[in-house]
Amino acid sequence: MDPASPDRMAVIKQLNRLTTEVVSHFGLMT
C-alpha cells in the first residue's frame, strides 16, 4: 500500500491491536 494512504494506516492500527493481544512484546515508553 501507499505509505500515505489512510487505508494503510487502518492496517497499521489492526497490526497494533493484534500485536498487543498475541505477541510476546510490549512497548514501554521511557
PDB file of all heavy atoms in Angstrom:
ATOM      1  N   MET A   1       0.822  -1.210   0.000  1.00  0.00           N
ATOM      2  CA  MET A   1       0.000   0.000   0.000  1.00  0.00           C
ATOM      3  C   MET A   1       0.859   1.264   0.000  1.00  0.00           C
ATOM      4  O   MET A   1       1.994   1.254   0.464  1.00  0.00           O
ATOM      5  CB  MET A   1      -0.925  -0.008   1.226  1.00  0.00           C
ATOM      6  CG  MET A   1      -1.861  -1.207   1.260  1.00  0.00           C
ATOM      7  SD  MET A   1      -2.802  -1.311   2.797  1.00  0.00           S
ATOM      8  CE  MET A   1      -4.201  -0.295   2.342  1.00  0.00           C
ATOM      9  N   ASP A   2       0.284   2.347  -0.494  1.00  0.00           N
ATOM     10  CA  ASP A   2       0.940   3.650  -0.474  1.00  0.00           C
ATOM     11  C   ASP A   2       1.111   4.086   0.984  1.00  0.00           C
ATOM     12  O   ASP A   2       0.148   4.093   1.743  1.00  0.00           O
ATOM     13  CB  ASP A   2       0.060   4.652  -1.226  1.00  0.00           C
ATOM     14  CG  ASP A   2       0.644   6.048  -1.283  1.00  0.00           C
ATOM     15  OD1 ASP A   2       1.404   6.430  -0.361  1.00  0.00           O
ATOM     16  OD2 ASP A   2       0.343   6.772  -2.236  1.00  0.00           O
ATOM     17  N   PRO A   3       2.345   4.453   1.399  1.00  0.00           N
ATOM     18  CA  PRO A   3       2.572   4.852   2.791  1.00  0.00           C
ATOM     19  C   PRO A   3       1.701   6.009   3.272  1.00  0.00           C
ATOM     20  O   PRO A   3       1.432   6.126   4.470  1.00  0.00           O
ATOM     21  CB  PRO A   3       4.056   5.257   2.811  1.00  0.00           C
ATOM     22  CG  PRO A   3       4.661   4.487   1.692  1.00  0.00           C
ATOM     23  CD  PRO A   3       3.586   4.403   0.638  1.00  0.00           C
ATOM     24  N   ALA A   4       1.233   6.845   2.373  1.00  0.00           N
ATOM     25  CA  ALA A   4       0.398   7.982   2.765  1.00  0.00           C
ATOM     26  C   ALA A   4      -1.092   7.643   2.809  1.00  0.00           C
ATOM     27  O   ALA A   4      -1.909   8.475   3.188  1.00  0.00           O
ATOM     28  CB  ALA A   4       0.626   9.150   1.806  1.00  0.00           C
ATOM     29  N   SER A   5      -1.445   6.433   2.446  1.00  0.00           N
ATOM     30  CA  SER A   5      -2.851   6.047   2.362  1.00  0.00           C
ATOM     31  C   SER A   5      -3.498   5.881   3.739  1.00  0.00           C
ATOM     32  O   SER A   5      -2.956   5.183   4.601  1.00  0.00           O
ATOM     33  CB  SER A   5      -2.967   4.722   1.595  1.00  0.00           C
ATOM     34  OG  SER A   5      -4.245   4.168   1.759  1.00  0.00           O
ATOM     35  N   PRO A   6      -4.674   6.462   3.931  1.00  0.00           N
ATOM     36  CA  PRO A   6      -5.421   6.237   5.182  1.00  0.00           C
ATOM     37  C   PRO A   6      -5.776   4.748   5.360  1.00  0.00           C
ATOM     38  O   PRO A   6      -5.858   4.261   6.484  1.00  0.00           O
ATOM     39  CB  PRO A   6      -6.682   7.078   5.021  1.00  0.00           C
ATOM     40  CG  PRO A   6      -6.357   8.078   3.962  1.00  0.00           C
ATOM     41  CD  PRO A   6      -5.345   7.436   3.070  1.00  0.00           C
ATOM     42  N   ASP A   7      -5.944   4.033   4.243  1.00  0.00           N
ATOM     43  CA  ASP A   7      -6.236   2.601   4.329  1.00  0.00           C
ATOM     44  C   ASP A   7      -5.044   1.843   4.923  1.00  0.00           C
ATOM     45  O   ASP A   7      -5.216   0.888   5.683  1.00  0.00           O
ATOM     46  CB  ASP A   7      -6.588   2.028   2.949  1.00  0.00           C
ATOM     47  CG  ASP A   7      -7.904   2.570   2.418  1.00  0.00           C
ATOM     48  OD1 ASP A   7      -8.743   3.002   3.237  1.00  0.00           O
ATOM     49  OD2 ASP A   7      -8.083   2.579   1.185  1.00  0.00           O
ATOM     50  N   ARG A   8      -3.838   2.277   4.571  1.00  0.00           N
ATOM     51  CA  ARG A   8      -2.644   1.642   5.144  1.00  0.00           C
ATOM     52  C   ARG A   8      -2.588   1.889   6.647  1.00  0.00           C
ATOM     53  O   ARG A   8      -2.247   1.008   7.420  1.00  0.00           O
ATOM     54  CB  ARG A   8      -1.385   2.184   4.472  1.00  0.00           C
ATOM     55  CG  ARG A   8      -0.095   1.509   4.977  1.00  0.00           C
ATOM     56  CD  ARG A   8       1.088   2.052   4.174  1.00  0.00           C
ATOM     57  NE  ARG A   8       2.319   1.367   4.452  1.00  0.00           N
ATOM     58  CZ  ARG A   8       3.266   1.829   5.273  1.00  0.00           C
ATOM     59  NH1 ARG A   8       3.093   2.974   5.911  1.00  0.00           N
ATOM     60  NH2 ARG A   8       4.378   1.164   5.447  1.00  0.00           N
ATOM     61  N   MET A   9      -2.946   3.106   7.063  1.00  0.00           N
ATOM     62  CA  MET A   9      -2.941   3.409   8.499  1.00  0.00           C
ATOM     63  C   MET A   9      -3.966   2.542   9.226  1.00  0.00           C
ATOM     64  O   MET A   9      -3.717   2.104  10.349  1.00  0.00           O
ATOM     65  CB  MET A   9      -3.234   4.895   8.744  1.00  0.00           C
ATOM     66  CG  MET A   9      -3.102   5.290  10.203  1.00  0.00           C
ATOM     67  SD  MET A   9      -1.555   4.797  11.026  1.00  0.00           S
ATOM     68  CE  MET A   9      -0.371   5.798  10.181  1.00  0.00           C
ATOM     69  N   ALA A  10      -5.065   2.227   8.586  1.00  0.00           N
ATOM     70  CA  ALA A  10      -6.052   1.331   9.198  1.00  0.00           C
ATOM     71  C   ALA A  10      -5.457  -0.068   9.397  1.00  0.00           C
ATOM     72  O   ALA A  10      -5.692  -0.719  10.422  1.00  0.00           O
ATOM     73  CB  ALA A  10      -7.312   1.264   8.335  1.00  0.00           C
ATOM     74  N   VAL A  11      -4.656  -0.523   8.428  1.00  0.00           N
ATOM     75  CA  VAL A  11      -3.983  -1.828   8.552  1.00  0.00           C
ATOM     76  C   VAL A  11      -2.954  -1.767   9.686  1.00  0.00           C
ATOM     77  O   VAL A  11      -2.839  -2.710  10.480  1.00  0.00           O
ATOM     78  CB  VAL A  11      -3.333  -2.249   7.213  1.00  0.00           C
ATOM     79  CG1 VAL A  11      -2.500  -3.513   7.383  1.00  0.00           C
ATOM     80  CG2 VAL A  11      -4.405  -2.454   6.141  1.00  0.00           C
ATOM     81  N   ILE A  12      -2.229  -0.659   9.791  1.00  0.00           N
ATOM     82  CA  ILE A  12      -1.243  -0.477  10.868  1.00  0.00           C
ATOM     83  C   ILE A  12      -1.956  -0.555  12.224  1.00  0.00           C
ATOM     84  O   ILE A  12      -1.461  -1.180  13.166  1.00  0.00           O
ATOM     85  CB  ILE A  12      -0.496   0.871  10.725  1.00  0.00           C
ATOM     86  CG1 ILE A  12       0.293   0.938   9.428  1.00  0.00           C
ATOM     87  CG2 ILE A  12       0.369   1.152  11.944  1.00  0.00           C
ATOM     88  CD1 ILE A  12       1.501   0.057   9.340  1.00  0.00           C
ATOM     89  N   LYS A  13      -3.117   0.059  12.321  1.00  0.00           N
ATOM     90  CA  LYS A  13      -3.879   0.008  13.577  1.00  0.00           C
ATOM     91  C   LYS A  13      -4.324  -1.425  13.887  1.00  0.00           C
ATOM     92  O   LYS A  13      -4.311  -1.839  15.044  1.00  0.00           O
ATOM     93  CB  LYS A  13      -5.071   0.961  13.522  1.00  0.00           C
ATOM     94  CG  LYS A  13      -4.652   2.415  13.604  1.00  0.00           C
ATOM     95  CD  LYS A  13      -5.826   3.357  13.516  1.00  0.00           C
ATOM     96  CE  LYS A  13      -5.352   4.802  13.598  1.00  0.00           C
ATOM     97  NZ  LYS A  13      -6.448   5.757  13.505  1.00  0.00           N
ATOM     98  N   GLN A  14      -4.699  -2.177  12.866  1.00  0.00           N
ATOM     99  CA  GLN A  14      -5.040  -3.594  13.074  1.00  0.00           C
ATOM    100  C   GLN A  14      -3.817  -4.354  13.582  1.00  0.00           C
ATOM    101  O   GLN A  14      -3.932  -5.190  14.488  1.00  0.00           O
ATOM    102  CB  GLN A  14      -5.513  -4.235  11.766  1.00  0.00           C
ATOM    103  CG  GLN A  14      -6.900  -3.852  11.327  1.00  0.00           C
ATOM    104  CD  GLN A  14      -7.208  -4.552  10.003  1.00  0.00           C
ATOM    105  OE1 GLN A  14      -6.720  -4.138   8.954  1.00  0.00           O
ATOM    106  NE2 GLN A  14      -7.999  -5.607  10.066  1.00  0.00           N
ATOM    107  N   LEU A  15      -2.668  -4.085  12.989  1.00  0.00           N
ATOM    108  CA  LEU A  15      -1.425  -4.725  13.426  1.00  0.00           C
ATOM    109  C   LEU A  15      -1.129  -4.391  14.883  1.00  0.00           C
ATOM    110  O   LEU A  15      -0.724  -5.258  15.661  1.00  0.00           O
ATOM    111  CB  LEU A  15      -0.243  -4.270  12.556  1.00  0.00           C
ATOM    112  CG  LEU A  15      -0.041  -5.032  11.270  1.00  0.00           C
ATOM    113  CD1 LEU A  15       0.903  -4.282  10.347  1.00  0.00           C
ATOM    114  CD2 LEU A  15       0.477  -6.426  11.550  1.00  0.00           C
ATOM    115  N   ASN A  16      -1.322  -3.149  15.246  1.00  0.00           N
ATOM    116  CA  ASN A  16      -1.082  -2.724  16.620  1.00  0.00           C
ATOM    117  C   ASN A  16      -1.979  -3.487  17.594  1.00  0.00           C
ATOM    118  O   ASN A  16      -1.507  -4.014  18.601  1.00  0.00           O
ATOM    119  CB  ASN A  16      -1.299  -1.222  16.752  1.00  0.00           C
ATOM    120  CG  ASN A  16      -0.884  -0.715  18.104  1.00  0.00           C
ATOM    121  OD1 ASN A  16       0.238  -0.931  18.544  1.00  0.00           O
ATOM    122  ND2 ASN A  16      -1.800  -0.057  18.786  1.00  0.00           N
ATOM    123  N   ARG A  17      -3.256  -3.573  17.287  1.00  0.00           N
ATOM    124  CA  ARG A  17      -4.194  -4.295  18.151  1.00  0.00           C
ATOM    125  C   ARG A  17      -3.810  -5.757  18.267  1.00  0.00           C
ATOM    126  O   ARG A  17      -3.689  -6.301  19.357  1.00  0.00           O
ATOM    127  CB  ARG A  17      -5.628  -4.171  17.607  1.00  0.00           C
ATOM    128  CG  ARG A  17      -6.670  -4.940  18.439  1.00  0.00           C
ATOM    129  CD  ARG A  17      -7.995  -5.100  17.717  1.00  0.00           C
ATOM    130  NE  ARG A  17      -7.901  -5.602  16.350  1.00  0.00           N
ATOM    131  CZ  ARG A  17      -7.670  -6.884  16.019  1.00  0.00           C
ATOM    132  NH1 ARG A  17      -7.498  -7.795  16.943  1.00  0.00           N
ATOM    133  NH2 ARG A  17      -7.607  -7.248  14.759  1.00  0.00           N
ATOM    134  N   LEU A  18      -3.574  -6.383  17.141  1.00  0.00           N
ATOM    135  CA  LEU A  18      -3.266  -7.807  17.124  1.00  0.00           C
ATOM    136  C   LEU A  18      -1.931  -8.106  17.814  1.00  0.00           C
ATOM    137  O   LEU A  18      -1.821  -9.060  18.595  1.00  0.00           O
ATOM    138  CB  LEU A  18      -3.246  -8.309  15.679  1.00  0.00           C
ATOM    139  CG  LEU A  18      -3.151  -9.809  15.480  1.00  0.00           C
ATOM    140  CD1 LEU A  18      -4.318 -10.521  16.148  1.00  0.00           C
ATOM    141  CD2 LEU A  18      -3.125 -10.130  13.995  1.00  0.00           C
ATOM    142  N   THR A  19      -0.928  -7.282  17.563  1.00  0.00           N
ATOM    143  CA  THR A  19       0.378  -7.477  18.180  1.00  0.00           C
ATOM    144  C   THR A  19       0.275  -7.370  19.699  1.00  0.00           C
ATOM    145  O   THR A  19       0.863  -8.158  20.434  1.00  0.00           O
ATOM    146  CB  THR A  19       1.387  -6.448  17.631  1.00  0.00           C
ATOM    147  OG1 THR A  19       1.498  -6.631  16.224  1.00  0.00           O
ATOM    148  CG2 THR A  19       2.759  -6.617  18.259  1.00  0.00           C
ATOM    149  N   THR A  20      -0.495  -6.420  20.167  1.00  0.00           N
ATOM    150  CA  THR A  20      -0.689  -6.248  21.607  1.00  0.00           C
ATOM    151  C   THR A  20      -1.373  -7.465  22.218  1.00  0.00           C
ATOM    152  O   THR A  20      -1.046  -7.882  23.317  1.00  0.00           O
ATOM    153  CB  THR A  20      -1.519  -4.980  21.877  1.00  0.00           C
ATOM    154  OG1 THR A  20      -0.834  -3.864  21.306  1.00  0.00           O
ATOM    155  CG2 THR A  20      -1.700  -4.745  23.363  1.00  0.00           C
ATOM    156  N   GLU A  21      -2.286  -8.055  21.484  1.00  0.00           N
ATOM    157  CA  GLU A  21      -3.051  -9.187  22.006  1.00  0.00           C
ATOM    158  C   GLU A  21      -2.276 -10.501  22.004  1.00  0.00           C
ATOM    159  O   GLU A  21      -2.448 -11.313  22.900  1.00  0.00           O
ATOM    160  CB  GLU A  21      -4.337  -9.369  21.201  1.00  0.00           C
ATOM    161  CG  GLU A  21      -5.342  -8.264  21.412  1.00  0.00           C
ATOM    162  CD  GLU A  21      -6.545  -8.372  20.477  1.00  0.00           C
ATOM    163  OE1 GLU A  21      -6.606  -9.321  19.660  1.00  0.00           O
ATOM    164  OE2 GLU A  21      -7.411  -7.492  20.559  1.00  0.00           O
ATOM    165  N   VAL A  22      -1.449 -10.737  20.979  1.00  0.00           N
ATOM    166  CA  VAL A  22      -0.917 -12.092  20.831  1.00  0.00           C
ATOM    167  C   VAL A  22       0.607 -12.246  20.814  1.00  0.00           C
ATOM    168  O   VAL A  22       1.088 -13.366  20.879  1.00  0.00           O
ATOM    169  CB  VAL A  22      -1.477 -12.788  19.561  1.00  0.00           C
ATOM    170  CG1 VAL A  22      -2.975 -12.881  19.614  1.00  0.00           C
ATOM    171  CG2 VAL A  22      -1.009 -12.094  18.300  1.00  0.00           C
ATOM    172  N   VAL A  23       1.357 -11.180  20.715  1.00  0.00           N
ATOM    173  CA  VAL A  23       2.805 -11.312  20.582  1.00  0.00           C
ATOM    174  C   VAL A  23       3.483 -11.022  21.919  1.00  0.00           C
ATOM    175  O   VAL A  23       2.992 -10.269  22.738  1.00  0.00           O
ATOM    176  CB  VAL A  23       3.339 -10.372  19.479  1.00  0.00           C
ATOM    177  CG1 VAL A  23       4.847 -10.441  19.363  1.00  0.00           C
ATOM    178  CG2 VAL A  23       2.725 -10.769  18.145  1.00  0.00           C
ATOM    179  N   SER A  24       4.627 -11.610  22.106  1.00  0.00           N
ATOM    180  CA  SER A  24       5.324 -11.537  23.382  1.00  0.00           C
ATOM    181  C   SER A  24       6.169 -10.278  23.564  1.00  0.00           C
ATOM    182  O   SER A  24       7.179 -10.310  24.252  1.00  0.00           O
ATOM    183  CB  SER A  24       6.217 -12.768  23.523  1.00  0.00           C
ATOM    184  OG  SER A  24       7.149 -12.793  22.464  1.00  0.00           O
ATOM    185  N   HIS A  25       5.786  -9.181  22.972  1.00  0.00           N
ATOM    186  CA  HIS A  25       6.478  -7.910  23.146  1.00  0.00           C
ATOM    187  C   HIS A  25       5.486  -6.897  23.674  1.00  0.00           C
ATOM    188  O   HIS A  25       4.313  -6.922  23.312  1.00  0.00           O
ATOM    189  CB  HIS A  25       6.989  -7.365  21.805  1.00  0.00           C
ATOM    190  CG  HIS A  25       8.253  -7.974  21.350  1.00  0.00           C
ATOM    191  ND1 HIS A  25       8.315  -9.229  20.824  1.00  0.00           N
ATOM    192  CD2 HIS A  25       9.514  -7.504  21.338  1.00  0.00           C
ATOM    193  CE1 HIS A  25       9.559  -9.506  20.491  1.00  0.00           C
ATOM    194  NE2 HIS A  25      10.304  -8.466  20.796  1.00  0.00           N
ATOM    195  N   PHE A  26       5.959  -6.010  24.507  1.00  0.00           N
ATOM    196  CA  PHE A  26       5.130  -4.860  24.829  1.00  0.00           C
ATOM    197  C   PHE A  26       6.029  -3.653  24.931  1.00  0.00           C
ATOM    198  O   PHE A  26       7.171  -3.739  25.370  1.00  0.00           O
ATOM    199  CB  PHE A  26       4.286  -5.057  26.095  1.00  0.00           C
ATOM    200  CG  PHE A  26       5.056  -5.136  27.382  1.00  0.00           C
ATOM    201  CD1 PHE A  26       5.295  -3.996  28.126  1.00  0.00           C
ATOM    202  CD2 PHE A  26       5.520  -6.356  27.853  1.00  0.00           C
ATOM    203  CE1 PHE A  26       5.998  -4.070  29.318  1.00  0.00           C
ATOM    204  CE2 PHE A  26       6.216  -6.438  29.042  1.00  0.00           C
ATOM    205  CZ  PHE A  26       6.458  -5.287  29.777  1.00  0.00           C
ATOM    206  N   GLY A  27       5.499  -2.546  24.471  1.00  0.00           N
ATOM    207  CA  GLY A  27       6.284  -1.318  24.446  1.00  0.00           C
ATOM    208  C   GLY A  27       6.175  -0.588  25.766  1.00  0.00           C
ATOM    209  O   GLY A  27       5.132  -0.578  26.397  1.00  0.00           O
ATOM    210  N   LEU A  28       7.251   0.009  26.160  1.00  0.00           N
ATOM    211  CA  LEU A  28       7.298   0.807  27.368  1.00  0.00           C
ATOM    212  C   LEU A  28       8.031   2.084  27.001  1.00  0.00           C
ATOM    213  O   LEU A  28       9.190   2.045  26.597  1.00  0.00           O
ATOM    214  CB  LEU A  28       8.059   0.055  28.467  1.00  0.00           C
ATOM    215  CG  LEU A  28       8.325   0.815  29.748  1.00  0.00           C
ATOM    216  CD1 LEU A  28       7.017   1.067  30.481  1.00  0.00           C
ATOM    217  CD2 LEU A  28       9.283   0.031  30.623  1.00  0.00           C
ATOM    218  N   MET A  29       7.342   3.191  27.095  1.00  0.00           N
ATOM    219  CA  MET A  29       7.982   4.463  26.757  1.00  0.00           C
ATOM    220  C   MET A  29       8.845   4.906  27.922  1.00  0.00           C
ATOM    221  O   MET A  29       8.408   4.876  29.063  1.00  0.00           O
ATOM    222  CB  MET A  29       6.931   5.536  26.486  1.00  0.00           C
ATOM    223  CG  MET A  29       6.195   5.325  25.187  1.00  0.00           C
ATOM    224  SD  MET A  29       7.307   5.398  23.805  1.00  0.00           S
ATOM    225  CE  MET A  29       7.151   7.082  23.364  1.00  0.00           C
ATOM    226  N   THR A  30      10.071   5.295  27.616  1.00  0.00           N
ATOM    227  CA  THR A  30      10.934   5.820  28.658  1.00  0.00           C
ATOM    228  C   THR A  30      11.258   7.263  28.300  1.00  0.00           C
ATOM    229  O   THR A  30      10.401   8.106  28.387  1.00  0.00           O
ATOM    230  CB  THR A  30      12.193   4.952  28.839  1.00  0.00           C
ATOM    231  OG1 THR A  30      12.894   4.841  27.615  1.00  0.00           O
ATOM    232  CG2 THR A  30      11.835   3.577  29.356  1.00  0.00           C
TER     233      THR A  30
END
